[in-house]
Amino acid sequence: MSREDLLNEELELFRKEKENVRELVGRIGGKQNSKKDRILTFTFLVIVAPLFLFDLVRHIFHFDISGFPALLSIEIAILLVSLKVIWMIHTQTKVEHFQFWILSSIEFQMNNMAHRVRKIERMLERETVSRESVPE
């Protein structure tokens, strides 16, 4: 194989890896997820804020609604906020797993390149030794 063929092969491998990374980024935390995040956050705010305000107004103006516990709205709001926090932790875990995968991939490529460099160094040393030993 010529040097140009080796470089073309290496370039093709790089392009394939680049496409794989793009695909993974899209599945794990791409633009689609940021839209979902905004919608979910907005939905939580729309639900939680009125629940807190409803209970706050009830307690300030001493409204009693029969059959409706005093702190039910606040308890529901706290439950929803807790679910949102759990969801955020889950999302962050996915991101950290992806970052770990990327760093592992980089480490693998660096080790692979170091192995290639050592191999090339050995080949060059042999070549220089063989040139020195050949009489001119």
C-alpha atoms as a PDB file:
ATOM      1  CA  MET A   1       0.000   0.000   0.000  1.00  0.00           C
ATOM      2  CA  SER A   2       1.224   3.436  -0.828  1.00  0.00           C
ATOM      3  CA  ARG A   3       1.356   6.267   1.622  1.00  0.00           C
ATOM      4  CA  GLU A   4      -1.521   7.997  -0.153  1.00  0.00           C
ATOM      5  CA  ASP A   5      -3.698   4.895   0.168  1.00  0.00           C
ATOM      6  CA  LEU A   6      -2.948   4.711   3.891  1.00  0.00           C
ATOM      7  CA  LEU A   7      -3.852   8.362   4.343  1.00  0.00           C
ATOM      8  CA  ASN A   8      -7.105   7.924   2.401  1.00  0.00           C
ATOM      9  CA  GLU A   9      -7.989   4.894   4.517  1.00  0.00           C
ATOM     10  CA  GLU A  10      -7.259   6.834   7.720  1.00  0.00           C
ATOM     11  CA  LEU A  11      -9.379   9.746   6.476  1.00  0.00           C
ATOM     12  CA  GLU A  12     -12.278   7.418   5.700  1.00  0.00           C
ATOM     13  CA  LEU A  13     -12.071   5.904   9.207  1.00  0.00           C
ATOM     14  CA  PHE A  14     -12.123   9.406  10.684  1.00  0.00           C
ATOM     15  CA  ARG A  15     -15.231  10.326   8.660  1.00  0.00           C
ATOM     16  CA  LYS A  16     -17.056   7.188   9.788  1.00  0.00           C
ATOM     17  CA  GLU A  17     -16.223   7.884  13.434  1.00  0.00           C
ATOM     18  CA  LYS A  18     -17.348  11.486  13.035  1.00  0.00           C
ATOM     19  CA  GLU A  19     -20.724  10.358  11.675  1.00  0.00           C
ATOM     20  CA  ASN A  20     -21.121   7.850  14.500  1.00  0.00           C
ATOM     21  CA  VAL A  21     -20.462  10.564  17.075  1.00  0.00           C
ATOM     22  CA  ARG A  22     -22.978  12.904  15.406  1.00  0.00           C
ATOM     23  CA  GLU A  23     -25.601  10.175  15.444  1.00  0.00           C
ATOM     24  CA  LEU A  24     -24.985   9.446  19.130  1.00  0.00           C
ATOM     25  CA  VAL A  25     -25.093  13.115  20.080  1.00  0.00           C
ATOM     26  CA  GLY A  26     -28.433  13.426  18.324  1.00  0.00           C
ATOM     27  CA  ARG A  27     -29.863  10.436  20.182  1.00  0.00           C
ATOM     28  CA  ILE A  28     -28.514  11.374  23.617  1.00  0.00           C
ATOM     29  CA  GLY A  29     -28.782  15.124  23.912  1.00  0.00           C
ATOM     30  CA  GLY A  30     -29.362  16.830  20.629  1.00  0.00           C
ATOM     31  CA  LYS A  31     -31.579  19.746  19.714  1.00  0.00           C
ATOM     32  CA  GLN A  32     -34.737  17.676  19.936  1.00  0.00           C
ATOM     33  CA  ASN A  33     -34.149  17.065  23.633  1.00  0.00           C
ATOM     34  CA  SER A  34     -33.608  20.759  24.376  1.00  0.00           C
ATOM     35  CA  LYS A  35     -37.054  21.492  22.907  1.00  0.00           C
ATOM     36  CA  LYS A  36     -38.525  18.725  25.062  1.00  0.00           C
ATOM     37  CA  ASP A  37     -36.721  20.178  28.086  1.00  0.00           C
ATOM     38  CA  ARG A  38     -38.201  23.620  27.507  1.00  0.00           C
ATOM     39  CA  ILE A  39     -41.702  22.239  26.990  1.00  0.00           C
ATOM     40  CA  LEU A  40     -41.483  20.068  30.096  1.00  0.00           C
ATOM     41  CA  THR A  41     -40.098  22.902  32.210  1.00  0.00           C
ATOM     42  CA  PHE A  42     -42.818  25.252  31.003  1.00  0.00           C
ATOM     43  CA  THR A  43     -45.478  22.621  31.740  1.00  0.00           C
ATOM     44  CA  PHE A  44     -44.157  22.144  35.274  1.00  0.00           C
ATOM     45  CA  LEU A  45     -44.185  25.907  35.846  1.00  0.00           C
ATOM     46  CA  VAL A  46     -47.727  26.202  34.507  1.00  0.00           C
ATOM     47  CA  ILE A  47     -48.896  23.461  36.880  1.00  0.00           C
ATOM     48  CA  VAL A  48     -46.791  24.170  39.982  1.00  0.00           C
ATOM     49  CA  ALA A  49     -47.075  27.982  40.173  1.00  0.00           C
ATOM     50  CA  PRO A  50     -50.896  28.052  40.232  1.00  0.00           C
ATOM     51  CA  LEU A  51     -50.970  25.277  42.850  1.00  0.00           C
ATOM     52  CA  PHE A  52     -48.709  27.273  45.157  1.00  0.00           C
ATOM     53  CA  LEU A  53     -50.643  30.474  44.504  1.00  0.00           C
ATOM     54  CA  PHE A  54     -53.964  28.723  45.067  1.00  0.00           C
ATOM     55  CA  ASP A  55     -52.890  27.451  48.505  1.00  0.00           C
ATOM     56  CA  LEU A  56     -51.271  30.769  49.372  1.00  0.00           C
ATOM     57  CA  VAL A  57     -54.463  32.701  48.562  1.00  0.00           C
ATOM     58  CA  ARG A  58     -56.561  30.136  50.481  1.00  0.00           C
ATOM     59  CA  HIS A  59     -54.445  30.585  53.606  1.00  0.00           C
ATOM     60  CA  ILE A  60     -54.205  34.374  53.373  1.00  0.00           C
ATOM     61  CA  PHE A  61     -57.951  34.916  52.920  1.00  0.00           C
ATOM     62  CA  HIS A  62     -58.978  31.905  55.056  1.00  0.00           C
ATOM     63  CA  PHE A  63     -60.957  30.154  52.349  1.00  0.00           C
ATOM     64  CA  ASP A  64     -62.122  26.715  53.382  1.00  0.00           C
ATOM     65  CA  ILE A  65     -63.213  24.301  50.702  1.00  0.00           C
ATOM     66  CA  SER A  66     -65.022  21.300  52.137  1.00  0.00           C
ATOM     67  CA  GLY A  67     -63.510  17.966  51.130  1.00  0.00           C
ATOM     68  CA  PHE A  68     -60.255  19.619  50.053  1.00  0.00           C
ATOM     69  CA  PRO A  69     -57.325  19.159  52.503  1.00  0.00           C
ATOM     70  CA  ALA A  70     -55.524  22.319  53.531  1.00  0.00           C
ATOM     71  CA  LEU A  71     -52.129  21.522  52.027  1.00  0.00           C
ATOM     72  CA  LEU A  72     -53.074  19.234  49.130  1.00  0.00           C
ATOM     73  CA  SER A  73     -52.062  21.730  46.452  1.00  0.00           C
ATOM     74  CA  ILE A  74     -48.654  22.276  48.030  1.00  0.00           C
ATOM     75  CA  GLU A  75     -48.144  18.535  48.403  1.00  0.00           C
ATOM     76  CA  ILE A  76     -48.990  17.990  44.730  1.00  0.00           C
ATOM     77  CA  ALA A  77     -46.650  20.815  43.729  1.00  0.00           C
ATOM     78  CA  ILE A  78     -43.819  19.343  45.826  1.00  0.00           C
ATOM     79  CA  LEU A  79     -44.416  15.947  44.234  1.00  0.00           C
ATOM     80  CA  LEU A  80     -44.213  17.481  40.749  1.00  0.00           C
ATOM     81  CA  VAL A  81     -41.032  19.397  41.609  1.00  0.00           C
ATOM     82  CA  SER A  82     -39.524  16.177  42.975  1.00  0.00           C
ATOM     83  CA  LEU A  83     -40.378  14.375  39.727  1.00  0.00           C
ATOM     84  CA  LYS A  84     -38.753  17.195  37.763  1.00  0.00           C
ATOM     85  CA  VAL A  85     -35.572  16.915  39.857  1.00  0.00           C
ATOM     86  CA  ILE A  86     -35.480  13.136  39.317  1.00  0.00           C
ATOM     87  CA  TRP A  87     -35.913  13.658  35.583  1.00  0.00           C
ATOM     88  CA  MET A  88     -33.100  16.244  35.549  1.00  0.00           C
ATOM     89  CA  ILE A  89     -30.772  13.843  37.402  1.00  0.00           C
ATOM     90  CA  HIS A  90     -31.586  11.120  34.864  1.00  0.00           C
ATOM     91  CA  THR A  91     -30.835  13.463  31.956  1.00  0.00           C
ATOM     92  CA  GLN A  92     -27.555  14.559  33.550  1.00  0.00           C
ATOM     93  CA  THR A  93     -26.560  10.921  34.026  1.00  0.00           C
ATOM     94  CA  LYS A  94     -27.074  10.289  30.314  1.00  0.00           C
ATOM     95  CA  VAL A  95     -24.890  13.295  29.471  1.00  0.00           C
ATOM     96  CA  GLU A  96     -22.134  12.178  31.851  1.00  0.00           C
ATOM     97  CA  HIS A  97     -22.219   8.672  30.380  1.00  0.00           C
ATOM     98  CA  PHE A  98     -21.807  10.147  26.908  1.00  0.00           C
ATOM     99  CA  GLN A  99     -18.902  12.322  28.067  1.00  0.00           C
ATOM    100  CA  PHE A 100     -17.248   9.248  29.572  1.00  0.00           C
ATOM    101  CA  TRP A 101     -17.723   7.376  26.302  1.00  0.00           C
ATOM    102  CA  ILE A 102     -16.156  10.230  24.330  1.00  0.00           C
ATOM    103  CA  LEU A 103     -13.175  10.431  26.702  1.00  0.00           C
ATOM    104  CA  SER A 104     -12.685   6.661  26.516  1.00  0.00           C
ATOM    105  CA  SER A 105     -12.788   6.835  22.736  1.00  0.00           C
ATOM    106  CA  ILE A 106     -10.203   9.625  22.717  1.00  0.00           C
ATOM    107  CA  GLU A 107      -7.962   7.636  25.065  1.00  0.00           C
ATOM    108  CA  PHE A 108      -8.261   4.571  22.824  1.00  0.00           C
ATOM    109  CA  GLN A 109      -7.337   6.631  19.757  1.00  0.00           C
ATOM    110  CA  MET A 110      -4.372   8.210  21.565  1.00  0.00           C
ATOM    111  CA  ASN A 111      -3.075   4.789  22.628  1.00  0.00           C
ATOM    112  CA  ASN A 112      -3.554   3.519  19.085  1.00  0.00           C
ATOM    113  CA  MET A 113      -1.647   6.491  17.674  1.00  0.00           C
ATOM    114  CA  ALA A 114       1.145   6.036  20.235  1.00  0.00           C
ATOM    115  CA  HIS A 115       1.438   2.390  19.179  1.00  0.00           C
ATOM    116  CA  ARG A 116       1.660   3.447  15.519  1.00  0.00           C
ATOM    117  CA  VAL A 117       4.301   6.071  16.287  1.00  0.00           C
ATOM    118  CA  ARG A 118       6.422   3.504  18.174  1.00  0.00           C
ATOM    119  CA  LYS A 119       6.054   1.097  15.246  1.00  0.00           C
ATOM    120  CA  ILE A 120       7.127   3.790  12.767  1.00  0.00           C
ATOM    121  CA  GLU A 121      10.081   4.719  15.004  1.00  0.00           C
ATOM    122  CA  ARG A 122      11.222   1.085  15.047  1.00  0.00           C
ATOM    123  CA  MET A 123      10.901   0.881  11.262  1.00  0.00           C
ATOM    124  CA  LEU A 124      12.927   4.084  10.849  1.00  0.00           C
ATOM    125  CA  GLU A 125      15.610   2.830  13.232  1.00  0.00           C
ATOM    126  CA  ARG A 126      15.911  -0.414  11.259  1.00  0.00           C
ATOM    127  CA  GLU A 127      16.081   1.531   8.014  1.00  0.00           C
ATOM    128  CA  THR A 128      18.798   3.862   9.273  1.00  0.00           C
ATOM    129  CA  VAL A 129      20.773   0.921  10.676  1.00  0.00           C
ATOM    130  CA  SER A 130      20.486  -0.949   7.377  1.00  0.00           C
ATOM    131  CA  ARG A 131      21.583   2.173   5.430  1.00  0.00           C
ATOM    132  CA  GLU A 132      24.573   2.668   7.718  1.00  0.00           C
ATOM    133  CA  SER A 133      25.659  -0.949   7.328  1.00  0.00           C
ATOM    134  CA  VAL A 134      25.482  -0.922   3.521  1.00  0.00           C
ATOM    135  CA  PRO A 135      28.831   0.194   2.024  1.00  0.00           C
ATOM    136  CA  GLU A 136      28.623   2.944  -0.513  1.00  0.00           C
END
